[in-house]
């Protein structure tokens, strides 16, 4: 866990440091700042980190608070005409790691289900990992810049995932 926290801190430090930019704007003749096309300088590389849980799980299945997800993707904003809107498709990867007290099993009808590990069985780790190919699509609205060159953005989007890898990792006694 300590390795994960240190790695995430280093990645965030590098990414957030590399996103710092210095833009020098020259004032117009009437001492106002020029309007920027903000869609051209934003939204190319995304990193996401989140924590996971399971919905509609049996009461006997417990999800550990260390369950997490990480996503990275590239996107390319395309302005819609001369409007304040742009369409942004992208491609990337996403990995979900879920730590539980249960194992994934297959029943007689070939359906997967979660079965809690017996109470007398000791284990150090029980993790399910899912890797996805990700395709995010967003519709963005950008406001005009104010007198300080600041603007705001609103986005609405979807993310499509295709499962490309899944596996479990278990360290402990078998039940």
N, C-alpha and C. Protein backbone atom coordinates (compact mmCIF):
# COMPACT_ATOMS: atom_id res chain seq x y z
N UNK A 1 0.82 -1.19 0.00
CA UNK A 1 0.00 0.00 0.00
C UNK A 1 0.87 1.25 0.00
N UNK A 2 1.96 1.21 0.77
CA UNK A 2 2.85 2.36 0.82
C UNK A 2 3.45 2.64 -0.55
N UNK A 3 3.78 1.56 -1.31
CA UNK A 3 4.31 1.74 -2.66
C UNK A 3 3.29 2.46 -3.54
N UNK A 4 2.00 2.09 -3.41
CA UNK A 4 0.95 2.70 -4.21
C UNK A 4 0.84 4.19 -3.89
N UNK A 5 0.83 4.55 -2.61
CA UNK A 5 0.68 5.94 -2.22
C UNK A 5 1.87 6.77 -2.69
N UNK A 6 3.08 6.24 -2.53
CA UNK A 6 4.27 6.96 -2.99
C UNK A 6 4.26 7.11 -4.50
N UNK A 7 3.93 6.03 -5.22
CA UNK A 7 3.88 6.10 -6.69
C UNK A 7 2.85 7.12 -7.17
N UNK A 8 1.66 7.10 -6.56
CA UNK A 8 0.60 8.04 -6.94
C UNK A 8 1.04 9.48 -6.65
N UNK A 9 1.71 9.71 -5.53
CA UNK A 9 2.19 11.05 -5.20
C UNK A 9 3.22 11.53 -6.20
N UNK A 10 4.13 10.66 -6.61
CA UNK A 10 5.16 11.04 -7.58
C UNK A 10 4.51 11.36 -8.92
N UNK A 11 3.58 10.50 -9.38
CA UNK A 11 2.91 10.73 -10.66
C UNK A 11 2.14 12.05 -10.63
N UNK A 12 1.38 12.29 -9.56
CA UNK A 12 0.62 13.53 -9.46
C UNK A 12 1.55 14.74 -9.42
N UNK A 13 2.65 14.64 -8.70
CA UNK A 13 3.61 15.74 -8.63
C UNK A 13 4.20 16.07 -9.98
N UNK A 14 4.55 15.05 -10.74
CA UNK A 14 5.12 15.26 -12.07
C UNK A 14 4.08 15.84 -13.01
N UNK A 15 2.87 15.29 -13.00
CA UNK A 15 1.83 15.74 -13.93
C UNK A 15 1.40 17.16 -13.60
N UNK A 16 1.12 17.45 -12.32
CA UNK A 16 0.65 18.79 -11.98
C UNK A 16 1.75 19.84 -12.17
N UNK A 17 2.99 19.45 -11.96
CA UNK A 17 4.10 20.37 -12.19
C UNK A 17 4.26 20.63 -13.68
N UNK A 18 4.10 19.60 -14.50
CA UNK A 18 4.29 19.78 -15.93
C UNK A 18 3.15 20.55 -16.58
N UNK A 19 2.00 20.67 -15.90
CA UNK A 19 0.89 21.41 -16.48
C UNK A 19 1.00 22.91 -16.25
N UNK A 20 1.95 23.35 -15.44
CA UNK A 20 2.11 24.77 -15.19
C UNK A 20 2.56 25.46 -16.47
N UNK A 21 1.91 26.57 -16.79
CA UNK A 21 2.24 27.29 -18.00
C UNK A 21 2.33 28.77 -17.69
N UNK A 22 3.11 29.46 -18.46
CA UNK A 22 3.21 30.90 -18.34
C UNK A 22 2.73 31.49 -19.66
N UNK A 23 1.60 32.17 -19.60
CA UNK A 23 1.05 32.78 -20.81
C UNK A 23 1.12 34.29 -20.62
N UNK A 24 1.79 34.96 -21.50
CA UNK A 24 1.89 36.41 -21.43
C UNK A 24 0.89 36.99 -22.43
N UNK A 25 -0.03 37.78 -21.91
CA UNK A 25 -1.04 38.40 -22.76
C UNK A 25 -0.74 39.89 -22.90
N UNK A 26 -0.85 40.39 -24.10
CA UNK A 26 -0.69 41.82 -24.33
C UNK A 26 -2.07 42.44 -24.39
N UNK A 27 -2.24 43.54 -23.70
CA UNK A 27 -3.53 44.21 -23.65
C UNK A 27 -3.85 44.82 -25.01
N UNK A 28 -5.16 44.86 -25.32
CA UNK A 28 -5.63 45.52 -26.53
C UNK A 28 -5.49 47.03 -26.36
N UNK A 29 -5.82 47.79 -27.40
CA UNK A 29 -5.72 49.25 -27.33
C UNK A 29 -6.61 49.84 -26.25
N UNK A 30 -7.73 49.19 -25.94
CA UNK A 30 -8.64 49.70 -24.90
C UNK A 30 -8.33 49.11 -23.53
N UNK A 31 -7.12 48.58 -23.33
CA UNK A 31 -6.63 48.01 -22.06
C UNK A 31 -7.44 46.80 -21.58
N UNK A 32 -8.00 46.05 -22.49
CA UNK A 32 -8.65 44.79 -22.12
C UNK A 32 -7.80 43.65 -22.64
N UNK A 33 -7.93 42.52 -22.00
CA UNK A 33 -7.16 41.35 -22.44
C UNK A 33 -7.83 40.69 -23.64
N UNK A 34 -7.05 40.14 -24.55
CA UNK A 34 -7.66 39.47 -25.71
C UNK A 34 -8.36 38.18 -25.28
N UNK A 35 -9.32 37.76 -26.08
CA UNK A 35 -10.03 36.51 -25.80
C UNK A 35 -9.19 35.35 -26.29
N UNK A 36 -9.09 34.32 -25.46
CA UNK A 36 -8.32 33.13 -25.82
C UNK A 36 -9.25 32.05 -26.31
N UNK A 37 -8.78 31.23 -27.22
CA UNK A 37 -9.50 30.03 -27.60
C UNK A 37 -9.07 28.94 -26.62
N UNK A 38 -9.73 28.87 -25.47
CA UNK A 38 -9.29 27.98 -24.40
C UNK A 38 -9.40 26.51 -24.78
N UNK A 39 -10.26 26.17 -25.72
CA UNK A 39 -10.39 24.76 -26.09
C UNK A 39 -9.13 24.21 -26.71
N UNK A 40 -8.28 25.05 -27.27
CA UNK A 40 -7.07 24.58 -27.93
C UNK A 40 -5.95 24.24 -26.95
N UNK A 41 -6.00 24.76 -25.73
CA UNK A 41 -4.90 24.53 -24.80
C UNK A 41 -5.28 23.60 -23.65
N UNK A 42 -6.46 23.03 -23.66
CA UNK A 42 -6.90 22.19 -22.55
C UNK A 42 -7.26 20.78 -23.03
N UNK A 43 -7.37 19.88 -22.08
CA UNK A 43 -8.00 18.59 -22.28
C UNK A 43 -7.27 17.64 -23.22
N UNK A 44 -5.98 17.56 -23.18
CA UNK A 44 -5.28 16.60 -24.01
C UNK A 44 -4.93 15.32 -23.25
N UNK A 45 -4.49 15.44 -22.02
CA UNK A 45 -4.06 14.29 -21.24
C UNK A 45 -4.78 14.29 -19.90
N UNK A 46 -5.39 13.16 -19.55
CA UNK A 46 -6.17 13.07 -18.32
C UNK A 46 -5.66 11.93 -17.45
N UNK A 47 -5.59 12.17 -16.17
CA UNK A 47 -5.31 11.14 -15.17
C UNK A 47 -6.43 11.17 -14.16
N UNK A 48 -6.92 10.01 -13.80
CA UNK A 48 -7.99 9.92 -12.81
C UNK A 48 -7.64 8.84 -11.80
N UNK A 49 -7.90 9.12 -10.55
CA UNK A 49 -7.75 8.13 -9.49
C UNK A 49 -9.04 8.15 -8.68
N UNK A 50 -9.54 6.99 -8.32
CA UNK A 50 -10.79 6.93 -7.56
C UNK A 50 -10.80 5.70 -6.66
N UNK A 51 -11.74 5.70 -5.73
CA UNK A 51 -11.93 4.56 -4.85
C UNK A 51 -13.20 3.85 -5.25
N UNK A 52 -13.23 2.52 -5.09
CA UNK A 52 -14.32 1.69 -5.60
C UNK A 52 -15.11 1.01 -4.49
N UNK A 53 -16.33 0.66 -4.80
CA UNK A 53 -17.15 -0.21 -3.98
C UNK A 53 -18.03 -1.03 -4.92
N UNK A 54 -18.78 -1.97 -4.38
CA UNK A 54 -19.68 -2.80 -5.20
C UNK A 54 -21.12 -2.50 -4.82
N UNK A 55 -21.99 -2.42 -5.81
CA UNK A 55 -23.42 -2.22 -5.57
C UNK A 55 -24.13 -3.57 -5.60
N UNK A 56 -25.23 -3.67 -4.90
CA UNK A 56 -26.07 -4.88 -4.89
C UNK A 56 -25.27 -6.13 -4.54
N UNK A 57 -24.40 -6.03 -3.58
CA UNK A 57 -23.60 -7.18 -3.14
C UNK A 57 -24.28 -7.81 -1.94
N UNK A 58 -24.06 -9.10 -1.71
CA UNK A 58 -24.61 -9.74 -0.52
C UNK A 58 -24.03 -9.10 0.75
N UNK A 59 -24.78 -9.15 1.84
CA UNK A 59 -24.32 -8.55 3.10
C UNK A 59 -23.05 -9.20 3.62
N UNK A 60 -22.81 -10.45 3.27
CA UNK A 60 -21.62 -11.16 3.75
C UNK A 60 -20.35 -10.74 3.01
N UNK A 61 -20.48 -10.06 1.88
CA UNK A 61 -19.31 -9.63 1.11
C UNK A 61 -18.92 -8.22 1.56
N UNK A 62 -17.69 -8.08 2.00
CA UNK A 62 -17.18 -6.79 2.46
C UNK A 62 -16.10 -6.30 1.50
N UNK A 63 -16.20 -5.04 1.10
CA UNK A 63 -15.21 -4.43 0.22
C UNK A 63 -14.27 -3.61 1.10
N UNK A 64 -12.97 -3.83 0.94
CA UNK A 64 -11.97 -3.11 1.73
C UNK A 64 -11.89 -1.65 1.26
N UNK A 65 -11.57 -0.73 2.17
CA UNK A 65 -11.51 0.68 1.78
C UNK A 65 -10.34 1.01 0.86
N UNK A 66 -9.41 0.09 0.63
CA UNK A 66 -8.27 0.35 -0.24
C UNK A 66 -8.56 0.05 -1.70
N UNK A 67 -9.77 -0.36 -2.04
CA UNK A 67 -10.12 -0.64 -3.43
C UNK A 67 -10.04 0.65 -4.24
N UNK A 68 -9.36 0.59 -5.38
CA UNK A 68 -9.11 1.82 -6.13
C UNK A 68 -9.12 1.57 -7.64
N UNK A 69 -9.17 2.68 -8.36
CA UNK A 69 -9.16 2.65 -9.81
C UNK A 69 -8.22 3.74 -10.31
N UNK A 70 -7.60 3.48 -11.46
CA UNK A 70 -6.72 4.47 -12.08
C UNK A 70 -7.00 4.48 -13.58
N UNK A 71 -7.12 5.67 -14.14
CA UNK A 71 -7.38 5.82 -15.58
C UNK A 71 -6.43 6.85 -16.16
N UNK A 72 -6.01 6.62 -17.38
CA UNK A 72 -5.20 7.59 -18.12
C UNK A 72 -5.67 7.55 -19.57
N UNK A 73 -5.92 8.72 -20.12
CA UNK A 73 -6.32 8.75 -21.52
C UNK A 73 -5.96 10.06 -22.19
N UNK A 74 -5.85 9.98 -23.49
CA UNK A 74 -5.59 11.14 -24.34
C UNK A 74 -6.89 11.52 -25.03
N UNK A 75 -7.10 12.80 -25.20
CA UNK A 75 -8.29 13.25 -25.91
C UNK A 75 -7.93 14.43 -26.81
N UNK A 76 -8.80 14.69 -27.76
CA UNK A 76 -8.56 15.77 -28.70
C UNK A 76 -9.83 16.60 -28.85
N UNK A 77 -9.81 17.86 -28.36
CA UNK A 77 -11.01 18.70 -28.48
C UNK A 77 -11.18 19.24 -29.90
N UNK A 78 -12.42 19.20 -30.37
CA UNK A 78 -12.74 19.73 -31.70
C UNK A 78 -13.86 20.76 -31.54
N UNK A 79 -13.58 22.00 -31.88
CA UNK A 79 -14.56 23.06 -31.72
C UNK A 79 -15.71 22.86 -32.70
N UNK A 80 -16.91 23.15 -32.23
CA UNK A 80 -18.11 23.04 -33.07
C UNK A 80 -18.39 24.43 -33.66
N UNK A 81 -18.00 24.62 -34.89
CA UNK A 81 -18.19 25.92 -35.56
C UNK A 81 -17.44 27.02 -34.82
N UNK A 82 -18.10 28.18 -34.69
CA UNK A 82 -17.51 29.29 -33.95
C UNK A 82 -18.21 29.46 -32.61
N UNK A 83 -18.83 28.41 -32.12
CA UNK A 83 -19.56 28.47 -30.86
C UNK A 83 -18.63 28.28 -29.67
N UNK A 84 -19.19 28.32 -28.49
CA UNK A 84 -18.45 28.08 -27.25
C UNK A 84 -18.41 26.60 -26.90
N UNK A 85 -18.89 25.76 -27.78
CA UNK A 85 -18.94 24.32 -27.51
C UNK A 85 -17.83 23.60 -28.28
N UNK A 86 -17.39 22.49 -27.68
CA UNK A 86 -16.52 21.59 -28.41
C UNK A 86 -16.85 20.16 -28.05
N UNK A 87 -16.49 19.27 -28.94
CA UNK A 87 -16.70 17.83 -28.80
C UNK A 87 -15.32 17.22 -28.60
N UNK A 88 -15.18 16.36 -27.58
CA UNK A 88 -13.86 15.84 -27.25
C UNK A 88 -13.89 14.32 -27.15
N UNK A 89 -13.46 13.60 -28.19
CA UNK A 89 -13.31 12.15 -28.09
C UNK A 89 -11.91 11.81 -27.57
N UNK A 90 -11.76 10.61 -27.00
CA UNK A 90 -10.46 10.22 -26.49
C UNK A 90 -10.28 8.70 -26.48
N UNK A 91 -9.09 8.27 -26.07
CA UNK A 91 -8.78 6.84 -25.96
C UNK A 91 -7.79 6.68 -24.81
N UNK A 92 -7.92 5.57 -24.07
CA UNK A 92 -7.00 5.35 -22.96
C UNK A 92 -7.19 4.00 -22.31
N UNK A 93 -6.67 3.87 -21.09
CA UNK A 93 -6.77 2.63 -20.32
C UNK A 93 -7.30 2.94 -18.93
N UNK A 94 -7.87 1.93 -18.32
CA UNK A 94 -8.39 2.05 -16.96
C UNK A 94 -8.17 0.72 -16.26
N UNK A 95 -7.77 0.77 -14.99
CA UNK A 95 -7.53 -0.43 -14.20
C UNK A 95 -8.27 -0.30 -12.88
N UNK A 96 -9.10 -1.29 -12.55
CA UNK A 96 -9.83 -1.33 -11.29
C UNK A 96 -9.26 -2.45 -10.42
N UNK A 97 -8.98 -2.15 -9.15
CA UNK A 97 -8.50 -3.14 -8.18
C UNK A 97 -9.48 -3.16 -7.02
N UNK A 98 -10.14 -4.31 -6.82
CA UNK A 98 -11.14 -4.43 -5.77
C UNK A 98 -10.66 -5.48 -4.76
N UNK A 99 -10.51 -5.05 -3.51
CA UNK A 99 -10.10 -5.93 -2.42
C UNK A 99 -11.34 -6.32 -1.62
N UNK A 100 -11.61 -7.62 -1.52
CA UNK A 100 -12.80 -8.09 -0.80
C UNK A 100 -12.46 -9.26 0.10
N UNK A 101 -13.48 -9.71 0.84
CA UNK A 101 -13.34 -10.92 1.65
C UNK A 101 -14.01 -12.11 0.95
N UNK A 102 -14.12 -12.06 -0.37
CA UNK A 102 -14.81 -13.11 -1.11
C UNK A 102 -14.03 -13.50 -2.36
N UNK A 103 -14.34 -14.67 -2.88
CA UNK A 103 -13.73 -15.15 -4.11
C UNK A 103 -14.78 -15.16 -5.22
N UNK A 104 -14.31 -14.99 -6.45
CA UNK A 104 -15.20 -15.09 -7.61
C UNK A 104 -15.29 -16.57 -7.97
N UNK A 105 -16.53 -17.09 -8.03
CA UNK A 105 -16.73 -18.50 -8.37
C UNK A 105 -17.72 -18.63 -9.51
N UNK A 106 -17.74 -19.80 -10.13
CA UNK A 106 -18.60 -20.09 -11.26
C UNK A 106 -19.62 -21.12 -10.82
N UNK A 107 -20.94 -20.83 -11.02
CA UNK A 107 -21.96 -21.81 -10.64
C UNK A 107 -22.25 -22.77 -11.79
N UNK A 108 -23.20 -23.65 -11.60
CA UNK A 108 -23.49 -24.68 -12.62
C UNK A 108 -24.08 -24.09 -13.90
N UNK A 109 -24.67 -22.91 -13.83
CA UNK A 109 -25.24 -22.25 -15.01
C UNK A 109 -24.23 -21.34 -15.68
N UNK A 110 -22.94 -21.48 -15.35
CA UNK A 110 -21.85 -20.68 -15.90
C UNK A 110 -21.99 -19.19 -15.63
N UNK A 111 -22.53 -18.86 -14.46
CA UNK A 111 -22.63 -17.46 -14.04
C UNK A 111 -21.65 -17.23 -12.90
N UNK A 112 -21.01 -16.07 -12.92
CA UNK A 112 -20.06 -15.72 -11.86
C UNK A 112 -20.80 -15.15 -10.65
N UNK A 113 -20.29 -15.47 -9.47
CA UNK A 113 -20.85 -14.90 -8.25
C UNK A 113 -19.74 -14.76 -7.22
N UNK A 114 -19.98 -13.94 -6.20
CA UNK A 114 -19.02 -13.75 -5.12
C UNK A 114 -19.39 -14.66 -3.96
N UNK A 115 -18.41 -15.42 -3.50
CA UNK A 115 -18.60 -16.32 -2.37
C UNK A 115 -17.64 -15.92 -1.26
N UNK A 116 -18.15 -15.57 -0.06
CA UNK A 116 -17.27 -15.16 1.03
C UNK A 116 -16.30 -16.28 1.41
N UNK A 117 -15.10 -15.89 1.78
CA UNK A 117 -14.09 -16.84 2.26
C UNK A 117 -14.52 -17.31 3.64
N UNK A 118 -14.41 -18.61 3.89
CA UNK A 118 -14.83 -19.18 5.18
C UNK A 118 -14.14 -18.47 6.33
N UNK A 119 -14.82 -18.36 7.45
CA UNK A 119 -14.32 -17.58 8.59
C UNK A 119 -13.03 -18.15 9.20
N UNK A 120 -12.78 -19.45 9.09
CA UNK A 120 -11.56 -20.04 9.66
C UNK A 120 -10.34 -19.94 8.76
N UNK A 121 -10.51 -19.44 7.55
CA UNK A 121 -9.41 -19.37 6.57
C UNK A 121 -8.70 -18.02 6.73
N UNK A 122 -7.36 -18.07 6.83
CA UNK A 122 -6.61 -16.83 6.93
C UNK A 122 -5.99 -16.50 5.56
N UNK A 123 -5.97 -15.21 5.23
CA UNK A 123 -5.39 -14.77 3.97
C UNK A 123 -4.78 -13.38 4.16
N UNK A 124 -3.78 -13.09 3.34
CA UNK A 124 -3.13 -11.78 3.39
C UNK A 124 -3.71 -10.83 2.35
N UNK A 125 -4.02 -11.36 1.18
CA UNK A 125 -4.53 -10.51 0.12
C UNK A 125 -5.53 -11.27 -0.74
N UNK A 126 -6.60 -10.59 -1.12
CA UNK A 126 -7.60 -11.13 -2.02
C UNK A 126 -8.05 -9.98 -2.91
N UNK A 127 -7.58 -9.97 -4.14
CA UNK A 127 -7.82 -8.84 -5.03
C UNK A 127 -8.33 -9.32 -6.38
N UNK A 128 -9.30 -8.58 -6.92
CA UNK A 128 -9.75 -8.79 -8.29
C UNK A 128 -9.34 -7.55 -9.08
N UNK A 129 -8.72 -7.78 -10.24
CA UNK A 129 -8.24 -6.68 -11.08
C UNK A 129 -8.90 -6.77 -12.45
N UNK A 130 -9.36 -5.62 -12.95
CA UNK A 130 -10.01 -5.54 -14.25
C UNK A 130 -9.34 -4.44 -15.06
N UNK A 131 -8.89 -4.76 -16.27
CA UNK A 131 -8.26 -3.78 -17.16
C UNK A 131 -9.18 -3.48 -18.33
N UNK A 132 -9.34 -2.21 -18.64
CA UNK A 132 -10.27 -1.78 -19.69
C UNK A 132 -9.57 -0.90 -20.71
N UNK A 133 -10.01 -1.00 -21.95
CA UNK A 133 -9.69 -0.03 -22.97
C UNK A 133 -10.82 1.00 -22.89
N UNK A 134 -10.47 2.27 -22.77
CA UNK A 134 -11.44 3.32 -22.46
C UNK A 134 -11.59 4.28 -23.63
N UNK A 135 -12.83 4.68 -23.89
CA UNK A 135 -13.12 5.68 -24.91
C UNK A 135 -14.04 6.75 -24.31
N UNK A 136 -13.47 7.85 -23.77
CA UNK A 136 -14.31 8.92 -23.23
C UNK A 136 -14.77 9.87 -24.34
N UNK A 137 -15.99 10.37 -24.19
CA UNK A 137 -16.55 11.34 -25.13
C UNK A 137 -17.22 12.42 -24.30
N UNK A 138 -16.85 13.68 -24.52
CA UNK A 138 -17.47 14.77 -23.77
C UNK A 138 -17.92 15.89 -24.70
N UNK A 139 -18.93 16.61 -24.24
CA UNK A 139 -19.38 17.84 -24.88
C UNK A 139 -19.08 18.94 -23.86
N UNK A 140 -18.30 19.94 -24.25
CA UNK A 140 -17.84 20.98 -23.33
C UNK A 140 -18.36 22.34 -23.74
N UNK A 141 -18.61 23.19 -22.74
CA UNK A 141 -18.97 24.58 -22.97
C UNK A 141 -17.93 25.45 -22.28
N UNK A 142 -17.38 26.43 -23.00
CA UNK A 142 -16.41 27.36 -22.45
C UNK A 142 -17.00 28.76 -22.45
N UNK A 143 -16.85 29.47 -21.33
CA UNK A 143 -17.32 30.84 -21.27
C UNK A 143 -16.28 31.77 -21.88
N UNK A 144 -16.68 33.00 -22.12
CA UNK A 144 -15.71 34.02 -22.54
C UNK A 144 -14.80 34.35 -21.38
N UNK A 145 -13.60 34.80 -21.68
CA UNK A 145 -12.67 35.23 -20.64
C UNK A 145 -13.15 36.55 -20.05
N UNK A 146 -12.96 36.69 -18.73
CA UNK A 146 -13.28 37.97 -18.11
C UNK A 146 -12.09 38.91 -18.25
N UNK A 147 -12.13 40.06 -17.57
CA UNK A 147 -11.06 41.04 -17.73
C UNK A 147 -9.72 40.55 -17.21
N UNK A 148 -9.70 39.51 -16.38
CA UNK A 148 -8.45 38.94 -15.87
C UNK A 148 -7.97 37.74 -16.69
N UNK A 149 -8.67 37.44 -17.75
CA UNK A 149 -8.28 36.30 -18.59
C UNK A 149 -8.78 34.97 -18.04
N UNK A 150 -9.72 34.98 -17.09
CA UNK A 150 -10.25 33.75 -16.49
C UNK A 150 -11.54 33.35 -17.21
N UNK A 151 -11.76 32.05 -17.31
CA UNK A 151 -12.96 31.52 -17.94
C UNK A 151 -13.39 30.28 -17.17
N UNK A 152 -14.60 29.80 -17.39
CA UNK A 152 -15.04 28.56 -16.77
C UNK A 152 -15.53 27.60 -17.83
N UNK A 153 -15.61 26.35 -17.44
CA UNK A 153 -15.94 25.27 -18.37
C UNK A 153 -16.96 24.35 -17.73
N UNK A 154 -17.92 23.88 -18.50
CA UNK A 154 -18.87 22.85 -18.05
C UNK A 154 -18.81 21.70 -19.05
N UNK A 155 -18.81 20.47 -18.54
CA UNK A 155 -18.69 19.30 -19.41
C UNK A 155 -19.77 18.28 -19.09
N UNK A 156 -20.18 17.58 -20.12
CA UNK A 156 -21.10 16.47 -19.99
C UNK A 156 -20.56 15.36 -20.87
N UNK A 157 -20.43 14.16 -20.32
CA UNK A 157 -19.81 13.13 -21.14
C UNK A 157 -20.14 11.72 -20.73
N UNK A 158 -19.65 10.80 -21.53
CA UNK A 158 -19.78 9.37 -21.31
C UNK A 158 -18.41 8.74 -21.47
N UNK A 159 -18.23 7.60 -20.83
CA UNK A 159 -16.99 6.85 -21.00
C UNK A 159 -17.37 5.40 -21.28
N UNK A 160 -16.92 4.91 -22.42
CA UNK A 160 -17.18 3.54 -22.81
C UNK A 160 -15.95 2.70 -22.50
N UNK A 161 -16.17 1.53 -21.88
CA UNK A 161 -15.07 0.64 -21.51
C UNK A 161 -15.26 -0.72 -22.16
N UNK A 162 -14.15 -1.32 -22.59
CA UNK A 162 -14.16 -2.69 -23.08
C UNK A 162 -13.16 -3.48 -22.24
N UNK A 163 -13.63 -4.53 -21.58
CA UNK A 163 -12.78 -5.35 -20.73
C UNK A 163 -11.75 -6.08 -21.59
N UNK A 164 -10.47 -5.89 -21.28
CA UNK A 164 -9.41 -6.56 -22.03
C UNK A 164 -8.61 -7.53 -21.15
N UNK A 165 -8.74 -7.42 -19.83
CA UNK A 165 -7.99 -8.29 -18.94
C UNK A 165 -8.69 -8.34 -17.59
N UNK A 166 -8.74 -9.51 -16.99
CA UNK A 166 -9.23 -9.63 -15.62
C UNK A 166 -8.52 -10.81 -14.96
N UNK A 167 -8.18 -10.64 -13.72
CA UNK A 167 -7.55 -11.73 -12.98
C UNK A 167 -7.72 -11.49 -11.48
N UNK A 168 -7.47 -12.53 -10.72
CA UNK A 168 -7.52 -12.43 -9.26
C UNK A 168 -6.14 -12.72 -8.70
N UNK A 169 -5.89 -12.16 -7.54
CA UNK A 169 -4.64 -12.41 -6.83
C UNK A 169 -5.01 -12.74 -5.40
N UNK A 170 -4.60 -13.92 -4.96
CA UNK A 170 -4.96 -14.40 -3.63
C UNK A 170 -3.72 -14.93 -2.95
N UNK A 171 -3.45 -14.46 -1.75
CA UNK A 171 -2.35 -14.95 -0.94
C UNK A 171 -2.93 -15.42 0.39
N UNK A 172 -2.88 -16.71 0.62
CA UNK A 172 -3.41 -17.24 1.86
C UNK A 172 -3.74 -18.71 1.72
N UNK A 173 -4.41 -19.25 2.73
CA UNK A 173 -4.82 -20.65 2.71
C UNK A 173 -6.04 -20.81 1.82
N UNK A 174 -6.14 -21.97 1.15
CA UNK A 174 -7.31 -22.24 0.31
C UNK A 174 -8.47 -22.72 1.15
N UNK A 175 -9.68 -22.40 0.64
CA UNK A 175 -10.89 -22.92 1.33
C UNK A 175 -11.55 -23.99 0.53
